[in-house]
Amino acid sequence: MPSENVYEKEKLLYDTAHRFMDILWVRLLTSSIVASGAALIIADSKSIPEQNRKGDHFEENEKGKRRGRILGGRRRWKTP
């Protein structure tokens, strides 16, 4: 009789552990899908359509170095 009781406890522990792992996997997959979707939406909203681009956003100064920087997703020129 004691062996059946041990078997039941082990089975319950095993089932509980598997149920817990299933829940973790579902939460992990759900969060990764949501995060990748949000990243795609953010990247798409910050992209500039090809017809609205006006050449190169940077210009070279007298030393041949490029100037211009990105602040908050928008390109703004530095004052010389």
N, C-alpha and C. Protein backbone atom coordinates (compact mmCIF):
# COMPACT_ATOMS: atom_id res chain seq x y z
N MET A 1 0.79 -1.21 0.00
CA MET A 1 0.00 0.00 0.00
C MET A 1 0.84 1.28 0.00
N PRO A 2 1.93 1.33 0.74
CA PRO A 2 2.69 2.58 0.74
C PRO A 2 3.26 2.90 -0.65
N SER A 3 3.57 1.88 -1.45
CA SER A 3 4.14 2.14 -2.76
C SER A 3 3.12 2.83 -3.67
N GLU A 4 1.82 2.47 -3.54
CA GLU A 4 0.80 3.13 -4.34
C GLU A 4 0.69 4.61 -3.97
N ASN A 5 0.80 4.91 -2.67
CA ASN A 5 0.71 6.28 -2.21
C ASN A 5 1.89 7.11 -2.77
N VAL A 6 3.08 6.53 -2.77
CA VAL A 6 4.26 7.21 -3.31
C VAL A 6 4.08 7.43 -4.81
N TYR A 7 3.55 6.42 -5.49
CA TYR A 7 3.31 6.53 -6.92
C TYR A 7 2.34 7.67 -7.22
N GLU A 8 1.28 7.77 -6.47
CA GLU A 8 0.29 8.83 -6.69
C GLU A 8 0.91 10.21 -6.46
N LYS A 9 1.74 10.33 -5.41
CA LYS A 9 2.38 11.61 -5.13
C LYS A 9 3.34 11.99 -6.25
N GLU A 10 4.11 11.01 -6.75
CA GLU A 10 5.04 11.28 -7.84
C GLU A 10 4.29 11.69 -9.10
N LYS A 11 3.20 11.00 -9.38
CA LYS A 11 2.39 11.32 -10.56
C LYS A 11 1.82 12.72 -10.45
N LEU A 12 1.32 13.06 -9.27
CA LEU A 12 0.77 14.40 -9.06
C LEU A 12 1.85 15.46 -9.24
N LEU A 13 3.02 15.21 -8.69
CA LEU A 13 4.13 16.16 -8.82
C LEU A 13 4.55 16.30 -10.28
N TYR A 14 4.64 15.20 -10.98
CA TYR A 14 5.02 15.19 -12.39
C TYR A 14 4.00 15.98 -13.22
N ASP A 15 2.72 15.69 -13.00
CA ASP A 15 1.67 16.39 -13.75
C ASP A 15 1.68 17.89 -13.44
N THR A 16 1.88 18.23 -12.18
CA THR A 16 1.91 19.64 -11.80
C THR A 16 3.09 20.35 -12.46
N ALA A 17 4.24 19.70 -12.48
CA ALA A 17 5.42 20.31 -13.10
C ALA A 17 5.21 20.51 -14.59
N HIS A 18 4.61 19.54 -15.25
CA HIS A 18 4.36 19.66 -16.68
C HIS A 18 3.32 20.74 -16.97
N ARG A 19 2.31 20.83 -16.14
CA ARG A 19 1.30 21.87 -16.31
C ARG A 19 1.94 23.25 -16.15
N PHE A 20 2.82 23.39 -15.15
CA PHE A 20 3.51 24.65 -14.91
C PHE A 20 4.40 25.01 -16.10
N MET A 21 5.13 24.03 -16.65
CA MET A 21 5.99 24.29 -17.80
C MET A 21 5.17 24.67 -19.03
N ASP A 22 4.02 24.03 -19.22
CA ASP A 22 3.15 24.40 -20.33
C ASP A 22 2.69 25.84 -20.21
N ILE A 23 2.33 26.25 -19.01
CA ILE A 23 1.88 27.63 -18.79
C ILE A 23 3.03 28.59 -19.08
N LEU A 24 4.24 28.26 -18.64
CA LEU A 24 5.39 29.14 -18.89
C LEU A 24 5.68 29.27 -20.38
N TRP A 25 5.61 28.15 -21.11
CA TRP A 25 5.86 28.20 -22.55
C TRP A 25 4.82 29.05 -23.26
N VAL A 26 3.57 28.91 -22.88
CA VAL A 26 2.51 29.71 -23.51
C VAL A 26 2.73 31.19 -23.23
N ARG A 27 3.09 31.53 -21.99
CA ARG A 27 3.33 32.94 -21.65
C ARG A 27 4.55 33.47 -22.40
N LEU A 28 5.59 32.65 -22.51
CA LEU A 28 6.79 33.08 -23.22
C LEU A 28 6.51 33.32 -24.70
N LEU A 29 5.81 32.39 -25.32
CA LEU A 29 5.48 32.55 -26.74
C LEU A 29 4.57 33.75 -26.97
N THR A 30 3.59 33.93 -26.10
CA THR A 30 2.67 35.05 -26.25
C THR A 30 3.40 36.38 -26.11
N SER A 31 4.27 36.48 -25.11
CA SER A 31 4.99 37.73 -24.92
C SER A 31 5.96 38.01 -26.06
N SER A 32 6.59 36.98 -26.60
CA SER A 32 7.51 37.20 -27.72
C SER A 32 6.76 37.62 -28.98
N ILE A 33 5.58 37.04 -29.21
CA ILE A 33 4.78 37.43 -30.37
C ILE A 33 4.33 38.88 -30.24
N VAL A 34 3.87 39.25 -29.05
CA VAL A 34 3.43 40.62 -28.82
C VAL A 34 4.59 41.60 -28.98
N ALA A 35 5.75 41.25 -28.45
CA ALA A 35 6.92 42.14 -28.54
C ALA A 35 7.37 42.31 -29.99
N SER A 36 7.39 41.22 -30.75
CA SER A 36 7.83 41.34 -32.14
C SER A 36 6.81 42.13 -32.96
N GLY A 37 5.54 41.94 -32.67
CA GLY A 37 4.51 42.74 -33.36
C GLY A 37 4.63 44.21 -33.05
N ALA A 38 4.88 44.53 -31.79
CA ALA A 38 5.05 45.93 -31.40
C ALA A 38 6.29 46.53 -32.06
N ALA A 39 7.36 45.75 -32.14
CA ALA A 39 8.58 46.25 -32.79
C ALA A 39 8.34 46.51 -34.27
N LEU A 40 7.59 45.65 -34.93
CA LEU A 40 7.28 45.87 -36.34
C LEU A 40 6.42 47.11 -36.53
N ILE A 41 5.45 47.31 -35.66
CA ILE A 41 4.58 48.48 -35.77
C ILE A 41 5.39 49.76 -35.56
N ILE A 42 6.27 49.76 -34.56
CA ILE A 42 7.09 50.94 -34.29
C ILE A 42 8.04 51.21 -35.45
N ALA A 43 8.67 50.16 -35.97
CA ALA A 43 9.60 50.35 -37.09
C ALA A 43 8.86 50.85 -38.32
N ASP A 44 7.66 50.36 -38.56
CA ASP A 44 6.88 50.77 -39.72
C ASP A 44 6.44 52.22 -39.58
N SER A 45 6.09 52.64 -38.37
CA SER A 45 5.62 54.01 -38.19
C SER A 45 6.75 55.01 -38.31
N LYS A 46 8.00 54.58 -38.06
CA LYS A 46 9.13 55.51 -38.16
C LYS A 46 9.78 55.51 -39.54
N SER A 47 9.38 54.60 -40.40
CA SER A 47 10.00 54.55 -41.72
C SER A 47 9.49 55.71 -42.57
N ILE A 48 10.35 56.20 -43.43
CA ILE A 48 10.00 57.32 -44.29
C ILE A 48 9.68 56.77 -45.67
N PRO A 49 8.51 57.10 -46.22
CA PRO A 49 8.20 56.63 -47.57
C PRO A 49 9.23 57.14 -48.59
N GLU A 50 9.50 56.33 -49.60
CA GLU A 50 10.54 56.64 -50.58
C GLU A 50 10.29 57.98 -51.28
N GLN A 51 9.04 58.31 -51.62
CA GLN A 51 8.75 59.53 -52.36
C GLN A 51 8.93 60.79 -51.50
N ASN A 52 8.96 60.65 -50.18
CA ASN A 52 9.12 61.82 -49.32
C ASN A 52 10.57 62.09 -48.94
N ARG A 53 11.48 61.24 -49.35
CA ARG A 53 12.88 61.43 -49.00
C ARG A 53 13.48 62.50 -49.91
N LYS A 54 14.32 63.33 -49.33
CA LYS A 54 14.94 64.41 -50.10
C LYS A 54 16.44 64.21 -50.11
N GLY A 55 16.91 63.33 -50.94
CA GLY A 55 18.34 63.10 -51.08
C GLY A 55 18.96 62.56 -49.81
N ASP A 56 20.24 62.87 -49.64
CA ASP A 56 20.96 62.41 -48.46
C ASP A 56 20.66 63.36 -47.31
N HIS A 57 20.40 62.83 -46.13
CA HIS A 57 20.06 63.67 -44.99
C HIS A 57 21.28 64.27 -44.33
N PHE A 58 22.46 63.87 -44.78
CA PHE A 58 23.69 64.38 -44.21
C PHE A 58 24.44 65.14 -45.29
N GLU A 59 25.17 66.13 -44.91
CA GLU A 59 26.02 66.83 -45.87
C GLU A 59 27.45 66.85 -45.33
N GLU A 60 28.38 66.96 -46.24
CA GLU A 60 29.79 66.94 -45.82
C GLU A 60 30.26 68.36 -45.57
N ASN A 61 31.04 68.52 -44.51
CA ASN A 61 31.61 69.83 -44.25
C ASN A 61 32.96 69.94 -44.95
N GLU A 62 33.70 71.02 -44.67
CA GLU A 62 34.95 71.26 -45.41
C GLU A 62 36.00 70.19 -45.15
N LYS A 63 35.92 69.49 -44.03
CA LYS A 63 36.91 68.44 -43.74
C LYS A 63 36.48 67.08 -44.29
N GLY A 64 35.34 67.02 -44.93
CA GLY A 64 34.87 65.77 -45.50
C GLY A 64 34.12 64.90 -44.52
N LYS A 65 33.86 65.43 -43.30
CA LYS A 65 33.11 64.66 -42.32
C LYS A 65 31.62 64.94 -42.50
N ARG A 66 30.85 63.93 -42.31
CA ARG A 66 29.41 64.09 -42.43
C ARG A 66 28.86 64.69 -41.16
N ARG A 67 27.88 65.57 -41.30
CA ARG A 67 27.25 66.12 -40.11
C ARG A 67 25.75 65.93 -40.20
N GLY A 68 25.11 66.08 -39.08
CA GLY A 68 23.69 65.81 -38.98
C GLY A 68 23.51 64.67 -38.01
N ARG A 69 22.44 64.70 -37.26
CA ARG A 69 22.23 63.63 -36.28
C ARG A 69 20.75 63.35 -36.16
N ILE A 70 20.46 62.24 -35.55
CA ILE A 70 19.07 61.82 -35.36
C ILE A 70 18.70 62.08 -33.91
N LEU A 71 17.67 62.85 -33.70
CA LEU A 71 17.18 63.12 -32.35
C LEU A 71 15.70 62.76 -32.31
N GLY A 72 15.34 61.85 -31.47
CA GLY A 72 13.94 61.50 -31.31
C GLY A 72 13.29 60.99 -32.58
N GLY A 73 14.06 60.32 -33.42
CA GLY A 73 13.49 59.77 -34.63
C GLY A 73 13.46 60.74 -35.79
N ARG A 74 13.73 62.02 -35.56
CA ARG A 74 13.75 63.02 -36.63
C ARG A 74 15.18 63.48 -36.85
N ARG A 75 15.51 63.76 -38.08
CA ARG A 75 16.85 64.26 -38.39
C ARG A 75 16.84 65.77 -38.27
N ARG A 76 17.70 66.28 -37.42
CA ARG A 76 17.82 67.73 -37.24
C ARG A 76 19.28 68.10 -37.43
N TRP A 77 19.50 69.28 -37.95
CA TRP A 77 20.86 69.71 -38.25
C TRP A 77 21.49 70.33 -37.02
N LYS A 78 22.77 70.05 -36.86
CA LYS A 78 23.53 70.72 -35.81
C LYS A 78 23.84 72.13 -36.27
N THR A 79 23.93 73.03 -35.34
CA THR A 79 24.39 74.37 -35.72
C THR A 79 25.90 74.32 -35.89
N PRO A 80 26.43 74.98 -36.90
CA PRO A 80 27.89 74.89 -37.14
C PRO A 80 28.70 75.56 -36.05
